[in-house]
Amino acid sequence: MQDIQKAKLFERTPIPRAVLTLAVPTVLSSLVMVLYNLADTYFVGMLQDSIQNSAVTLAAPVLLAFNAVNNLFGVGSSSMMSRALGAKDYDTVQRSSAFGFYSALISGVLFSILATGFRTPLLVVLGADAGTTQATMEYMRWTVSWGAVPAILNVVLAYLVRSEGATLHASIGTMSGCALNIVLDPIFILPWGLGMGAAGAGLATFLSNCFACLYFFVLLFVRRGKTYVCIQPAMARPRKALVKGVFGVGIPAAIQNLLNVTGMTVLNNFTAAFGADAIAAMGIAYKLNMVPMYIAMGVSQGLMPLVSYNYGSGNSSRLKKAVFFAAKVSLSFMVVVSTGYFFASGSLISMFMKTEAVIAYGSQFLRRMCVAQPFLCMDFLAVGVFQACGLGQYALVFAVLRKIVLEIPALYILNYFIPLYGLACAQTVAEVVLAAAAVVILARLFRRMSVEGTPLQHRTGKK
C-alpha cells in the first residue's frame, strides 16, 4: 500500500496537486526555519546592544558551513534515493540513506572538534575584534562546539525522509525544533529570564536541534517496515557505484555552500570596517532577505523528489511540466515580496533594533538586496533540477559562477566605488546573470530530454 501511494503521487497525481503536496510542507518548514533564524536576531536585538547582535552575525558563516555537510550527504543521498525509487531499486534506496546518515554523523563530530580546536584563528577570520570576540565565542560554544552534530543530523534526516515523498513528516520534524527554539530564545537571552545574551541564543539553538533529531529517530522507529529510510549500521557500508552517485550530486552542492560561506565571510569583513552598527544592520537585513530566499529554496527542495523520480523512470514530459508550474508560482511570489520589501525596508529593520544608525544602514542594505529575489528563485530552481537529475556538474558550475566569478569580485569592486552600500548590491549582480544562464541551460536540457528521453542514463548503483 505504501509503495502504491508513493507511485500514485509521483506518477499519476495532477501536476499542480503533486507539486503543492510536496512543496507546501517544505515551504512551511522553510518559513519556520526563517523565523528560527530571525528569532536569535530579534531577541538579541531587544537588548539594544550592537556587540551582542554582531556576535550572531559574525558566527553566521560557521553555521552556514554546516550546510556543506547537509548538502553533501543530505542532497546527495536524497537525490540518489529518489532516482532509485523511480527505477524500483529499493536496496539502493536503503543503502543510500544509511550511508548518508552515518557519514553526516561522523562529519558533524569532526566539524565540532576542528572548529573548537582552531577557535582563536577562526574568530579572526570571521572578522571578530577585541569588542566582539568574547560574545561571538560564547555563542559558538553552544551552536558549534556542542551543536554541530544535532544541527547537521536533523537537516540530513529531513532530506532522507523527504526523498520518498514524506514531506509533511520532514517538515514537522524541522518545524518542531524551530518552534522550540523560538520559545526558548527569550527565556535564555533576555534579562527577565536567564539573561545570557548571545550565549543564550546559542543554547536555545542547541537544545532545539537535539529535539528535532529526537523527533526523527522516533518517527523512523514508529514507521519501521513502512519506510525505505534506513539507519542500520550494516547497510552503511560504501559501495563504489553508490558513493559515486551520492558524491556526484553532493560534492558540487557542498562546494556551492562553502563558496556561500566564503562570500558571507568576505561581506562581514568588509562591513566590520564600518563598526558594530553596520555589522548589526547588515546581519538584520541579510536575515530578513532570507525569508523569500528560503521560500524559493523550499519550492526547489520540495520539487526535487518529483523530478528525481520521473527522471529515474524516464518520464521527461511530467518532469518538465512540474518544473514549469513551480517556476510560475515561485517567480510570481518573489516579485510581490521583493516589491513589499523595497517600500517597507525601514519599518522592517526597526522591528529588530531601534538604533537610528542601524535602521539607516539596514533599510538601505535591504532595498539593495531584495531586488535580487526574483532572479534568485530561477537560479535555485535550476540548481534543484540539476541536483535531482544527478547532474551535479551543472550545479557546481553555477556555484563557481555565483561566488568566484561574480559575487566576490563584485563585493570588492562595488565597495571601492560605493563604500559599504555597494556591498548589498553584489548578490543582485550575480543573480541577474545566473537567472539568464538558468533559463538558457534548462531550455537546452529539456530539448535534449524531448529528443533522447532523460539526457544521461540514471545511475542508482544497481548492478
Foldseek 3Di string as FASTA:
>chain_A
DLLVVLCCLLPPDDLVVSLCLLQVLLLVLLLLVLVLLVLLLQLLLVVVDLLLLLLSLLCVLLLLLLVLLCLLLQLLLLLLLLLCSLVVNLLLNALSLQQSQVVLQVVLQVQLVVCVVCVVVSSVLSQDDPSNSVSNVLLCVQCRNQASNLSNNLSSLLSSCPSSPVSNLSSVLSNQLSVQLSVQQNQQPPPVHVNPRSNSSSNSNRVSSVSSNVSSVVVCVVCPVSDSNYNDNVSNDDDPLSSCSSNLASNLSSVLSNLVSVLSSLLLNLQPVVDSLSSSLLSLLVSVLVSLVSSLLSSLSSLLSSLLSCLSNLVLVSNVVSLVVSLVVSLVVLVVVLVVCLVCVLVSQVSRHVDPSSSVNNSLLNNQQSVLRSLSSLLSNLSSNCSSNSVNVVSNVLSCQQRVVFQVVQCVVQCVVPNSSSNSNRNNRSSVVSSVVSVVVVVVQSVCCVVPGHNDNDRNPDD
